[in-house]
N, C-alpha and C. Protein backbone atom coordinates (compact mmCIF):
# COMPACT_ATOMS: atom_id res chain seq x y z
N UNK A 1 178.52 12.64 50.25
CA UNK A 1 179.83 12.02 50.10
C UNK A 1 180.22 11.37 51.43
N UNK A 2 180.58 10.12 51.44
CA UNK A 2 180.83 9.39 52.66
C UNK A 2 182.28 9.53 53.08
N UNK A 3 182.55 9.39 54.39
CA UNK A 3 183.90 9.40 54.88
C UNK A 3 184.64 8.16 54.37
N UNK A 4 185.91 8.31 54.14
CA UNK A 4 186.72 7.19 53.75
C UNK A 4 186.88 7.05 52.25
N UNK A 5 186.11 7.82 51.46
CA UNK A 5 186.28 7.73 50.03
C UNK A 5 187.56 8.44 49.65
N UNK A 6 188.26 7.96 48.61
CA UNK A 6 189.52 8.59 48.21
C UNK A 6 189.27 10.04 47.73
N UNK A 7 190.27 10.89 47.91
CA UNK A 7 190.24 12.22 47.36
C UNK A 7 190.37 12.13 45.87
N UNK A 8 190.10 13.30 45.20
CA UNK A 8 190.16 13.32 43.75
C UNK A 8 191.54 13.06 43.19
N UNK A 9 192.58 13.17 44.04
CA UNK A 9 193.94 12.92 43.55
C UNK A 9 194.31 11.47 43.71
N UNK A 10 193.32 10.66 44.16
CA UNK A 10 193.59 9.23 44.24
C UNK A 10 194.13 8.77 45.55
N UNK A 11 194.37 9.71 46.50
CA UNK A 11 194.89 9.31 47.79
C UNK A 11 193.77 9.24 48.81
N UNK A 12 193.91 8.45 49.81
CA UNK A 12 192.88 8.38 50.84
C UNK A 12 192.97 9.62 51.70
N UNK A 13 191.84 10.15 52.13
CA UNK A 13 191.83 11.37 52.95
C UNK A 13 192.44 11.15 54.31
N UNK A 14 193.27 12.08 54.79
CA UNK A 14 193.87 11.92 56.10
C UNK A 14 192.87 12.09 57.20
N UNK A 15 191.73 12.71 56.90
CA UNK A 15 190.73 12.98 57.91
C UNK A 15 189.74 11.82 57.94
N UNK A 16 189.49 11.27 59.13
CA UNK A 16 188.61 10.15 59.30
C UNK A 16 187.41 10.56 60.17
N UNK A 17 186.48 9.65 60.37
CA UNK A 17 185.31 9.94 61.15
C UNK A 17 185.71 10.09 62.60
N UNK A 18 184.78 10.75 63.35
CA UNK A 18 185.05 10.97 64.76
C UNK A 18 185.22 9.64 65.53
N UNK A 19 184.67 8.55 65.03
CA UNK A 19 184.76 7.27 65.73
C UNK A 19 186.17 6.78 65.81
N UNK A 20 187.03 7.15 64.86
CA UNK A 20 188.40 6.65 64.88
C UNK A 20 189.25 7.44 65.88
N UNK A 21 188.82 8.65 66.26
CA UNK A 21 189.59 9.46 67.20
C UNK A 21 190.70 10.23 66.54
N UNK A 22 190.83 10.19 65.20
CA UNK A 22 191.89 10.91 64.51
C UNK A 22 191.50 12.37 64.33
N UNK A 23 192.47 13.23 64.38
CA UNK A 23 192.23 14.66 64.23
C UNK A 23 192.04 15.00 62.76
N UNK A 24 191.25 16.07 62.54
CA UNK A 24 191.07 16.56 61.16
C UNK A 24 192.38 17.14 60.64
N UNK A 25 192.58 16.99 59.36
CA UNK A 25 193.79 17.50 58.72
C UNK A 25 193.47 18.86 58.07
N UNK A 26 194.14 19.91 58.55
CA UNK A 26 193.89 21.26 58.01
C UNK A 26 195.06 21.79 57.21
N UNK A 27 195.95 20.92 56.74
CA UNK A 27 197.15 21.40 56.07
C UNK A 27 196.85 22.06 54.73
N UNK A 28 195.69 21.76 54.13
CA UNK A 28 195.37 22.34 52.83
C UNK A 28 194.44 23.56 52.94
N UNK A 29 194.08 23.93 54.17
CA UNK A 29 193.08 24.99 54.33
C UNK A 29 193.45 26.29 53.65
N UNK A 30 194.68 26.75 53.88
CA UNK A 30 195.11 28.02 53.30
C UNK A 30 194.99 28.03 51.78
N UNK A 31 195.42 26.92 51.13
CA UNK A 31 195.33 26.87 49.68
C UNK A 31 193.87 26.86 49.22
N UNK A 32 193.03 26.14 49.94
CA UNK A 32 191.63 26.07 49.56
C UNK A 32 190.93 27.42 49.73
N UNK A 33 191.25 28.14 50.82
CA UNK A 33 190.64 29.41 51.07
C UNK A 33 191.11 30.46 50.05
N UNK A 34 192.38 30.43 49.70
CA UNK A 34 192.90 31.33 48.66
C UNK A 34 192.24 31.04 47.31
N UNK A 35 192.08 29.76 47.02
CA UNK A 35 191.41 29.39 45.78
C UNK A 35 189.94 29.84 45.79
N UNK A 36 189.32 29.79 46.93
CA UNK A 36 187.93 30.27 47.07
C UNK A 36 187.82 31.72 46.68
N UNK A 37 188.76 32.54 47.18
CA UNK A 37 188.75 33.96 46.84
C UNK A 37 188.97 34.18 45.33
N UNK A 38 189.84 33.41 44.75
CA UNK A 38 190.09 33.56 43.30
C UNK A 38 188.83 33.21 42.48
N UNK A 39 188.17 32.11 42.86
CA UNK A 39 187.00 31.69 42.12
C UNK A 39 185.86 32.71 42.34
N UNK A 40 185.75 33.18 43.58
CA UNK A 40 184.71 34.14 43.94
C UNK A 40 184.88 35.43 43.13
N UNK A 41 186.11 35.88 43.00
CA UNK A 41 186.38 37.11 42.25
C UNK A 41 186.07 36.93 40.75
N UNK A 42 186.21 35.73 40.27
CA UNK A 42 186.03 35.45 38.86
C UNK A 42 184.61 35.23 38.44
N UNK A 43 183.87 34.47 39.25
CA UNK A 43 182.53 34.04 38.79
C UNK A 43 181.42 34.51 39.74
N UNK A 44 181.76 35.09 40.87
CA UNK A 44 180.74 35.53 41.82
C UNK A 44 180.21 34.38 42.68
N UNK A 45 179.33 34.73 43.59
CA UNK A 45 178.83 33.71 44.52
C UNK A 45 177.92 32.71 43.83
N UNK A 46 177.01 33.20 43.03
CA UNK A 46 176.04 32.29 42.37
C UNK A 46 176.75 31.35 41.40
N UNK A 47 177.82 31.82 40.77
CA UNK A 47 178.50 30.99 39.80
C UNK A 47 179.51 30.02 40.38
N UNK A 48 179.90 30.28 41.65
CA UNK A 48 180.92 29.46 42.29
C UNK A 48 180.34 28.13 42.78
N UNK A 49 181.13 27.08 42.63
CA UNK A 49 180.79 25.79 43.22
C UNK A 49 181.99 25.31 44.04
N UNK A 50 181.72 24.44 45.00
CA UNK A 50 182.79 23.90 45.81
C UNK A 50 183.70 22.99 44.96
N UNK A 51 183.15 22.36 43.94
CA UNK A 51 183.97 21.56 43.03
C UNK A 51 184.97 22.43 42.27
N UNK A 52 184.54 23.66 41.90
CA UNK A 52 185.47 24.57 41.20
C UNK A 52 186.59 24.97 42.13
N UNK A 53 186.28 25.20 43.39
CA UNK A 53 187.33 25.55 44.36
C UNK A 53 188.30 24.41 44.53
N UNK A 54 187.81 23.21 44.65
CA UNK A 54 188.68 22.03 44.82
C UNK A 54 189.61 21.89 43.63
N UNK A 55 189.10 22.11 42.43
CA UNK A 55 189.92 22.02 41.22
C UNK A 55 190.97 23.08 41.22
N UNK A 56 190.61 24.33 41.59
CA UNK A 56 191.57 25.44 41.60
C UNK A 56 192.68 25.19 42.63
N UNK A 57 192.29 24.63 43.78
CA UNK A 57 193.26 24.38 44.83
C UNK A 57 194.03 23.07 44.62
N UNK A 58 193.64 22.33 43.60
CA UNK A 58 194.25 21.02 43.35
C UNK A 58 194.10 20.11 44.56
N UNK A 59 192.91 20.17 45.14
CA UNK A 59 192.60 19.35 46.31
C UNK A 59 191.49 18.38 45.94
N UNK A 60 191.44 17.25 46.62
CA UNK A 60 190.38 16.32 46.40
C UNK A 60 189.07 16.93 46.85
N UNK A 61 187.97 16.64 46.13
CA UNK A 61 186.67 17.18 46.51
C UNK A 61 186.29 16.75 47.91
N UNK A 62 186.63 15.52 48.29
CA UNK A 62 186.27 15.04 49.62
C UNK A 62 186.93 15.91 50.71
N UNK A 63 188.13 16.37 50.43
CA UNK A 63 188.81 17.21 51.40
C UNK A 63 188.02 18.50 51.68
N UNK A 64 187.51 19.10 50.64
CA UNK A 64 186.78 20.36 50.75
C UNK A 64 185.43 20.08 51.42
N UNK A 65 184.71 19.04 50.98
CA UNK A 65 183.39 18.80 51.54
C UNK A 65 183.42 18.36 52.99
N UNK A 66 184.45 17.71 53.41
CA UNK A 66 184.52 17.32 54.84
C UNK A 66 184.85 18.49 55.72
N UNK A 67 185.60 19.46 55.20
CA UNK A 67 185.99 20.63 55.99
C UNK A 67 184.89 21.66 56.04
N UNK A 68 184.17 21.85 54.94
CA UNK A 68 183.12 22.87 54.89
C UNK A 68 181.84 22.20 54.39
N UNK A 69 180.75 22.32 55.17
CA UNK A 69 179.51 21.64 54.79
C UNK A 69 178.70 22.40 53.77
N UNK A 70 179.02 23.67 53.54
CA UNK A 70 178.29 24.46 52.55
C UNK A 70 179.18 25.50 51.90
N UNK A 71 178.74 25.99 50.75
CA UNK A 71 179.47 27.02 50.02
C UNK A 71 179.55 28.32 50.85
N UNK A 72 178.48 28.63 51.56
CA UNK A 72 178.47 29.83 52.36
C UNK A 72 179.52 29.81 53.44
N UNK A 73 179.63 28.68 54.15
CA UNK A 73 180.64 28.54 55.21
C UNK A 73 182.06 28.70 54.63
N UNK A 74 182.28 28.14 53.45
CA UNK A 74 183.58 28.24 52.81
C UNK A 74 183.91 29.70 52.48
N UNK A 75 182.93 30.44 51.96
CA UNK A 75 183.14 31.84 51.61
C UNK A 75 183.43 32.68 52.84
N UNK A 76 182.68 32.45 53.92
CA UNK A 76 182.90 33.20 55.16
C UNK A 76 184.30 33.00 55.68
N UNK A 77 184.76 31.77 55.68
CA UNK A 77 186.11 31.48 56.15
C UNK A 77 187.16 32.10 55.26
N UNK A 78 186.92 32.13 53.94
CA UNK A 78 187.87 32.76 53.03
C UNK A 78 187.96 34.23 53.26
N UNK A 79 186.81 34.88 53.44
CA UNK A 79 186.80 36.34 53.74
C UNK A 79 187.53 36.60 55.05
N UNK A 80 187.32 35.76 56.07
CA UNK A 80 187.95 35.95 57.35
C UNK A 80 189.48 35.85 57.20
N UNK A 81 189.95 34.91 56.39
CA UNK A 81 191.37 34.78 56.17
C UNK A 81 191.92 36.03 55.47
N UNK A 82 191.23 36.52 54.50
CA UNK A 82 191.66 37.69 53.76
C UNK A 82 191.77 38.91 54.67
N UNK A 83 190.80 39.10 55.55
CA UNK A 83 190.77 40.26 56.42
C UNK A 83 191.72 40.13 57.60
N UNK A 84 191.79 38.97 58.18
CA UNK A 84 192.68 38.80 59.35
C UNK A 84 194.13 39.02 59.02
N UNK A 85 194.48 38.69 57.77
CA UNK A 85 195.88 38.89 57.35
C UNK A 85 196.27 40.33 57.22
N UNK A 86 195.27 41.23 57.15
CA UNK A 86 195.56 42.64 56.99
C UNK A 86 195.45 43.42 58.31
N UNK A 87 194.93 42.77 59.37
CA UNK A 87 194.77 43.41 60.67
C UNK A 87 195.16 42.47 61.76
N UNK A 88 196.45 42.23 61.87
CA UNK A 88 196.98 41.28 62.86
C UNK A 88 197.14 41.97 64.21
N UNK A 89 196.28 41.65 65.15
CA UNK A 89 196.34 42.32 66.47
C UNK A 89 197.66 42.09 67.16
N UNK A 90 198.31 41.01 66.84
CA UNK A 90 199.59 40.72 67.50
C UNK A 90 200.76 41.48 66.88
N UNK A 91 200.52 42.19 65.80
CA UNK A 91 201.61 42.89 65.11
C UNK A 91 201.13 44.22 64.57
N UNK A 92 200.67 45.05 65.49
CA UNK A 92 200.11 46.35 65.11
C UNK A 92 201.13 47.47 65.09
N UNK A 93 200.94 48.46 64.25
CA UNK A 93 201.87 49.59 64.22
C UNK A 93 201.74 50.38 65.52
N UNK A 94 202.83 51.07 65.91
CA UNK A 94 202.79 51.92 67.11
C UNK A 94 203.51 53.22 66.75
N UNK A 95 202.73 54.22 66.35
CA UNK A 95 203.31 55.50 65.92
C UNK A 95 203.46 56.49 67.07
N UNK A 96 202.87 56.17 68.20
CA UNK A 96 202.91 57.09 69.36
C UNK A 96 201.66 57.90 69.50
N UNK A 97 200.78 57.92 68.48
CA UNK A 97 199.51 58.62 68.59
C UNK A 97 198.41 57.73 68.04
N UNK A 98 197.19 57.94 68.56
CA UNK A 98 196.07 57.15 68.05
C UNK A 98 195.78 57.43 66.61
N UNK A 99 195.76 58.70 66.22
CA UNK A 99 195.52 59.04 64.82
C UNK A 99 196.53 58.40 63.92
N UNK A 100 197.79 58.48 64.31
CA UNK A 100 198.84 57.88 63.53
C UNK A 100 198.69 56.38 63.39
N UNK A 101 198.29 55.74 64.48
CA UNK A 101 198.10 54.29 64.46
C UNK A 101 196.95 53.89 63.51
N UNK A 102 195.83 54.63 63.59
CA UNK A 102 194.66 54.33 62.77
C UNK A 102 194.99 54.46 61.29
N UNK A 103 195.78 55.46 60.94
CA UNK A 103 196.15 55.69 59.56
C UNK A 103 197.22 54.72 59.10
N UNK A 104 198.10 54.33 60.05
CA UNK A 104 199.23 53.45 59.66
C UNK A 104 198.72 52.04 59.34
N UNK A 105 197.56 51.65 59.87
CA UNK A 105 197.00 50.33 59.62
C UNK A 105 196.54 50.18 58.18
N UNK A 106 196.23 51.31 57.56
CA UNK A 106 195.70 51.29 56.19
C UNK A 106 196.80 50.90 55.20
N UNK A 107 196.50 50.00 54.28
CA UNK A 107 197.44 49.61 53.25
C UNK A 107 196.81 49.85 51.88
N UNK A 108 197.37 50.76 51.11
CA UNK A 108 196.77 51.03 49.78
C UNK A 108 196.88 49.83 48.88
N UNK A 109 195.89 49.70 47.98
CA UNK A 109 195.88 48.64 47.03
C UNK A 109 196.12 49.15 45.64
N UNK A 110 196.65 48.30 44.78
CA UNK A 110 196.75 48.67 43.39
C UNK A 110 195.35 48.69 42.78
N UNK A 111 195.21 49.23 41.59
CA UNK A 111 193.92 49.25 40.94
C UNK A 111 193.40 47.82 40.76
N UNK A 112 194.28 46.92 40.35
CA UNK A 112 193.85 45.54 40.16
C UNK A 112 193.41 44.89 41.47
N UNK A 113 194.16 45.15 42.55
CA UNK A 113 193.80 44.60 43.84
C UNK A 113 192.48 45.16 44.34
N UNK A 114 192.29 46.46 44.11
CA UNK A 114 191.03 47.09 44.55
C UNK A 114 189.84 46.52 43.80
N UNK A 115 190.00 46.30 42.49
CA UNK A 115 188.89 45.77 41.70
C UNK A 115 188.59 44.34 42.14
N UNK A 116 189.63 43.58 42.42
CA UNK A 116 189.42 42.19 42.88
C UNK A 116 188.67 42.17 44.21
N UNK A 117 189.11 43.06 45.13
CA UNK A 117 188.42 43.13 46.40
C UNK A 117 186.98 43.49 46.27
N UNK A 118 186.68 44.44 45.40
CA UNK A 118 185.28 44.82 45.18
C UNK A 118 184.45 43.68 44.62
N UNK A 119 185.07 42.90 43.72
CA UNK A 119 184.32 41.76 43.17
C UNK A 119 184.03 40.73 44.25
N UNK A 120 184.98 40.54 45.15
CA UNK A 120 184.76 39.61 46.24
C UNK A 120 183.70 40.12 47.20
N UNK A 121 183.72 41.44 47.50
CA UNK A 121 182.71 42.00 48.35
C UNK A 121 181.34 41.96 47.70
N UNK A 122 181.27 42.15 46.41
CA UNK A 122 179.99 42.04 45.69
C UNK A 122 179.44 40.62 45.81
N UNK A 123 180.32 39.66 45.69
CA UNK A 123 179.93 38.27 45.83
C UNK A 123 179.41 37.98 47.25
N UNK A 124 180.12 38.58 48.25
CA UNK A 124 179.68 38.41 49.65
C UNK A 124 178.29 39.01 49.84
N UNK A 125 178.07 40.20 49.28
CA UNK A 125 176.76 40.84 49.41
C UNK A 125 175.66 39.94 48.77
N UNK A 126 175.99 39.32 47.65
CA UNK A 126 175.05 38.42 47.02
C UNK A 126 174.73 37.23 47.89
N UNK A 127 175.75 36.72 48.55
CA UNK A 127 175.53 35.58 49.45
C UNK A 127 174.61 35.93 50.59
N UNK A 128 174.85 37.10 51.18
CA UNK A 128 174.04 37.55 52.34
C UNK A 128 172.59 37.77 51.91
N UNK A 129 172.39 38.35 50.72
CA UNK A 129 171.03 38.58 50.24
C UNK A 129 170.32 37.25 49.94
N UNK A 130 171.10 36.26 49.48
CA UNK A 130 170.55 34.96 49.19
C UNK A 130 170.23 34.20 50.47
N UNK A 131 171.07 34.29 51.48
CA UNK A 131 170.91 33.59 52.74
C UNK A 131 171.29 34.51 53.90
N UNK A 132 170.31 35.26 54.42
CA UNK A 132 170.60 36.22 55.51
C UNK A 132 171.16 35.60 56.75
N UNK A 133 171.08 34.25 56.90
CA UNK A 133 171.61 33.63 58.11
C UNK A 133 173.11 33.79 58.20
N UNK A 134 173.74 34.10 57.07
CA UNK A 134 175.19 34.29 57.09
C UNK A 134 175.62 35.74 57.44
N UNK A 135 174.68 36.62 57.68
CA UNK A 135 174.97 38.02 57.96
C UNK A 135 175.87 38.14 59.17
N UNK A 136 175.55 37.44 60.24
CA UNK A 136 176.36 37.53 61.46
C UNK A 136 177.76 37.02 61.26
N UNK A 137 177.89 35.90 60.58
CA UNK A 137 179.20 35.32 60.32
C UNK A 137 180.02 36.22 59.40
N UNK A 138 179.34 36.84 58.44
CA UNK A 138 180.04 37.77 57.54
C UNK A 138 180.54 39.00 58.29
N UNK A 139 179.76 39.48 59.23
CA UNK A 139 180.16 40.63 60.05
C UNK A 139 181.40 40.26 60.86
N UNK A 140 181.42 39.06 61.44
CA UNK A 140 182.56 38.60 62.22
C UNK A 140 183.81 38.48 61.36
N UNK A 141 183.65 38.03 60.13
CA UNK A 141 184.80 37.86 59.24
C UNK A 141 185.27 39.17 58.67
N UNK A 142 184.34 40.09 58.35
CA UNK A 142 184.69 41.29 57.62
C UNK A 142 185.03 42.46 58.55
N UNK A 143 184.30 42.62 59.63
CA UNK A 143 184.41 43.79 60.50
C UNK A 143 185.30 43.48 61.73
N UNK A 144 185.13 42.36 62.36
CA UNK A 144 185.75 42.09 63.65
C UNK A 144 187.28 42.22 63.65
N UNK A 145 188.02 41.71 62.64
CA UNK A 145 189.47 41.84 62.73
C UNK A 145 189.94 43.30 62.81
N UNK A 146 189.28 44.16 62.03
CA UNK A 146 189.64 45.60 62.05
C UNK A 146 189.17 46.24 63.33
N UNK A 147 187.97 45.89 63.81
CA UNK A 147 187.44 46.44 65.05
C UNK A 147 188.33 46.08 66.24
N UNK A 148 188.85 44.84 66.24
CA UNK A 148 189.72 44.40 67.30
C UNK A 148 191.02 45.23 67.30
N UNK A 149 191.54 45.47 66.09
CA UNK A 149 192.78 46.25 65.95
C UNK A 149 192.54 47.68 66.44
N UNK A 150 191.41 48.28 66.04
CA UNK A 150 191.11 49.67 66.47
C UNK A 150 190.88 49.74 67.98
N UNK A 151 190.27 48.70 68.54
CA UNK A 151 190.06 48.66 70.00
C UNK A 151 191.41 48.62 70.72
N UNK A 152 192.35 47.82 70.18
CA UNK A 152 193.66 47.76 70.76
C UNK A 152 194.38 49.11 70.71
N UNK A 153 194.26 49.81 69.60
CA UNK A 153 194.82 51.15 69.46
C UNK A 153 194.23 52.08 70.53
N UNK A 154 192.90 52.05 70.69
CA UNK A 154 192.20 52.91 71.62
C UNK A 154 192.57 52.62 73.06
N UNK A 155 192.67 51.37 73.38
CA UNK A 155 193.09 51.01 74.76
C UNK A 155 194.48 51.52 75.02
N UNK A 156 195.33 51.45 74.05
CA UNK A 156 196.69 51.93 74.22
C UNK A 156 196.66 53.47 74.41
N UNK A 157 195.78 54.15 73.65
CA UNK A 157 195.68 55.59 73.77
C UNK A 157 195.14 55.98 75.16
N UNK A 158 194.25 55.20 75.71
CA UNK A 158 193.74 55.45 77.05
C UNK A 158 194.90 55.29 78.08
N UNK A 159 195.67 54.25 77.90
CA UNK A 159 196.77 53.97 78.84
C UNK A 159 197.79 55.10 78.86
N UNK A 160 198.06 55.71 77.73
CA UNK A 160 199.05 56.78 77.71
C UNK A 160 198.42 58.16 77.97
N UNK A 161 197.10 58.19 78.25
CA UNK A 161 196.45 59.44 78.59
C UNK A 161 196.08 60.33 77.43
N UNK A 162 196.09 59.74 76.23
CA UNK A 162 195.79 60.53 75.04
C UNK A 162 194.29 60.80 74.91
N UNK A 163 193.48 59.80 75.30
CA UNK A 163 192.02 59.97 75.28
C UNK A 163 191.51 59.59 76.66
N UNK A 164 190.35 60.14 77.05
CA UNK A 164 189.83 59.88 78.40
C UNK A 164 189.37 58.42 78.56
N UNK A 165 189.50 57.92 79.78
CA UNK A 165 189.09 56.53 80.06
C UNK A 165 187.59 56.35 79.94
N UNK A 166 186.83 57.45 79.94
CA UNK A 166 185.36 57.37 79.84
C UNK A 166 184.90 57.25 78.38
N UNK A 167 185.80 57.38 77.44
CA UNK A 167 185.41 57.31 76.01
C UNK A 167 184.83 55.92 75.70
N UNK A 168 183.81 55.91 74.88
CA UNK A 168 183.17 54.66 74.51
C UNK A 168 183.91 53.95 73.39
N UNK A 169 185.07 53.39 73.77
CA UNK A 169 185.93 52.78 72.76
C UNK A 169 185.37 51.49 72.17
N UNK A 170 184.53 50.80 72.92
CA UNK A 170 183.93 49.55 72.40
C UNK A 170 183.07 49.88 71.16
N UNK A 171 182.30 50.96 71.24
CA UNK A 171 181.46 51.35 70.10
C UNK A 171 182.27 52.01 68.98
N UNK A 172 183.12 52.94 69.36
CA UNK A 172 183.86 53.71 68.38
C UNK A 172 184.89 52.86 67.61
N UNK A 173 185.32 51.78 68.20
CA UNK A 173 186.30 50.91 67.50
C UNK A 173 185.66 50.23 66.29
N UNK A 174 184.34 50.17 66.24
CA UNK A 174 183.64 49.52 65.13
C UNK A 174 183.21 50.47 64.02
N UNK A 175 183.37 51.78 64.24
CA UNK A 175 182.84 52.76 63.29
C UNK A 175 183.52 52.62 61.93
N UNK A 176 184.85 52.71 61.91
CA UNK A 176 185.58 52.69 60.63
C UNK A 176 185.39 51.35 59.94
N UNK A 177 185.60 50.20 60.63
CA UNK A 177 185.39 48.92 59.96
C UNK A 177 183.99 48.74 59.42
N UNK A 178 182.98 49.19 60.16
CA UNK A 178 181.61 49.06 59.70
C UNK A 178 181.33 49.94 58.49
N UNK A 179 181.86 51.14 58.50
CA UNK A 179 181.71 52.04 57.33
C UNK A 179 182.47 51.48 56.13
N UNK A 180 183.61 50.86 56.37
CA UNK A 180 184.37 50.27 55.27
C UNK A 180 183.55 49.15 54.63
N UNK A 181 182.91 48.33 55.46
CA UNK A 181 182.09 47.22 54.97
C UNK A 181 180.87 47.78 54.19
N UNK A 182 180.25 48.83 54.73
CA UNK A 182 179.09 49.43 54.07
C UNK A 182 179.53 50.01 52.70
N UNK A 183 180.66 50.65 52.65
CA UNK A 183 181.14 51.24 51.43
C UNK A 183 181.37 50.17 50.37
N UNK A 184 181.93 49.02 50.80
CA UNK A 184 182.20 47.97 49.82
C UNK A 184 180.96 47.19 49.43
N UNK A 185 180.14 46.82 50.45
CA UNK A 185 179.01 45.94 50.17
C UNK A 185 177.82 46.67 49.59
N UNK A 186 177.58 47.88 50.01
CA UNK A 186 176.39 48.61 49.59
C UNK A 186 176.69 49.62 48.48
N UNK A 187 177.72 50.45 48.70
CA UNK A 187 178.06 51.48 47.73
C UNK A 187 178.93 50.97 46.58
N UNK A 188 179.52 49.79 46.76
CA UNK A 188 180.41 49.21 45.75
C UNK A 188 181.57 50.17 45.40
N UNK A 189 182.12 50.76 46.44
CA UNK A 189 183.23 51.69 46.26
C UNK A 189 184.40 51.25 47.13
N UNK A 190 185.64 51.50 46.67
CA UNK A 190 186.79 51.12 47.46
C UNK A 190 186.95 51.97 48.69
N UNK A 191 187.54 51.39 49.72
CA UNK A 191 187.83 52.13 50.95
C UNK A 191 189.22 52.72 50.77
N UNK A 192 189.30 54.03 50.49
CA UNK A 192 190.57 54.66 50.25
C UNK A 192 191.05 55.52 51.42
N UNK A 193 192.29 55.97 51.34
CA UNK A 193 192.86 56.72 52.44
C UNK A 193 192.11 58.03 52.70
N UNK A 194 191.64 58.69 51.63
CA UNK A 194 190.91 59.92 51.80
C UNK A 194 189.68 59.72 52.68
N UNK A 195 188.94 58.65 52.40
CA UNK A 195 187.75 58.35 53.18
C UNK A 195 188.12 58.01 54.64
N UNK A 196 189.22 57.29 54.82
CA UNK A 196 189.68 56.95 56.15
C UNK A 196 190.01 58.21 56.93
N UNK A 197 190.76 59.11 56.33
CA UNK A 197 191.14 60.37 57.01
C UNK A 197 189.90 61.17 57.38
N UNK A 198 188.90 61.19 56.53
CA UNK A 198 187.65 61.88 56.82
C UNK A 198 186.99 61.31 58.06
N UNK A 199 186.95 59.99 58.15
CA UNK A 199 186.32 59.35 59.31
C UNK A 199 187.12 59.57 60.57
N UNK A 200 188.43 59.43 60.47
CA UNK A 200 189.27 59.57 61.68
C UNK A 200 189.22 61.01 62.21
N UNK A 201 189.38 61.98 61.31
CA UNK A 201 189.43 63.38 61.76
C UNK A 201 188.08 63.97 62.03
N UNK A 202 187.06 63.51 61.26
CA UNK A 202 185.76 64.13 61.39
C UNK A 202 184.81 63.42 62.36
N UNK A 203 185.10 62.15 62.64
CA UNK A 203 184.19 61.37 63.49
C UNK A 203 184.87 60.78 64.72
N UNK A 204 185.90 59.95 64.47
CA UNK A 204 186.51 59.17 65.57
C UNK A 204 187.19 60.05 66.61
N UNK A 205 188.14 60.89 66.19
CA UNK A 205 188.89 61.67 67.16
C UNK A 205 188.00 62.64 67.92
N UNK A 206 187.10 63.38 67.23
CA UNK A 206 186.21 64.28 67.98
C UNK A 206 185.30 63.52 68.98
N UNK A 207 184.83 62.34 68.62
CA UNK A 207 183.97 61.58 69.54
C UNK A 207 184.76 61.07 70.74
N UNK A 208 185.97 60.67 70.51
CA UNK A 208 186.79 60.17 71.63
C UNK A 208 187.22 61.29 72.60
N UNK A 209 187.51 62.46 72.02
CA UNK A 209 188.02 63.53 72.84
C UNK A 209 186.91 64.44 73.42
N UNK A 210 185.69 64.29 72.81
CA UNK A 210 184.60 65.15 73.26
C UNK A 210 183.97 64.63 74.52
């Protein structure tokens, strides 16, 4: 698809080639990424097409294809948007204790939300098995937002003297997010509060304080 072709809605794309010096237009990104998650949950990775996403988002196909060069890139960005919205490092809970903070970050899902999330994670696992080159990007999208939040909690706990400064917080901040990803991608099971409490009380806190 060449630059300068009209979008599917009949309007010329606001995004032009680099030769014009104009900036890319990202005003539709959120709608397109949300539509990607919807389509992914409904038909899976193999069944999803970028044209289907464009139609769901009511965006011109040219808009989608110029922003994302492949279906895999589009899925990774959609997952990143979904996860970053649930672990905003700039707006983290502060309960006064590390354990309280780790548990307060958890947000329970309805049965419908949990099933949708599992379908999306199943689609992501299918994508990675189809093209392992996306494994690193998927880890960044799926694990990093939560790991960054946990690292912020642990640094705060070090500052107030709750855990020793020698604790390996860089490694331990990734334990819960990585286990959550494993549970969803491999075990096909939801990450619930009971499992979180088991990890925090049985693994994280003893390792930090030991």
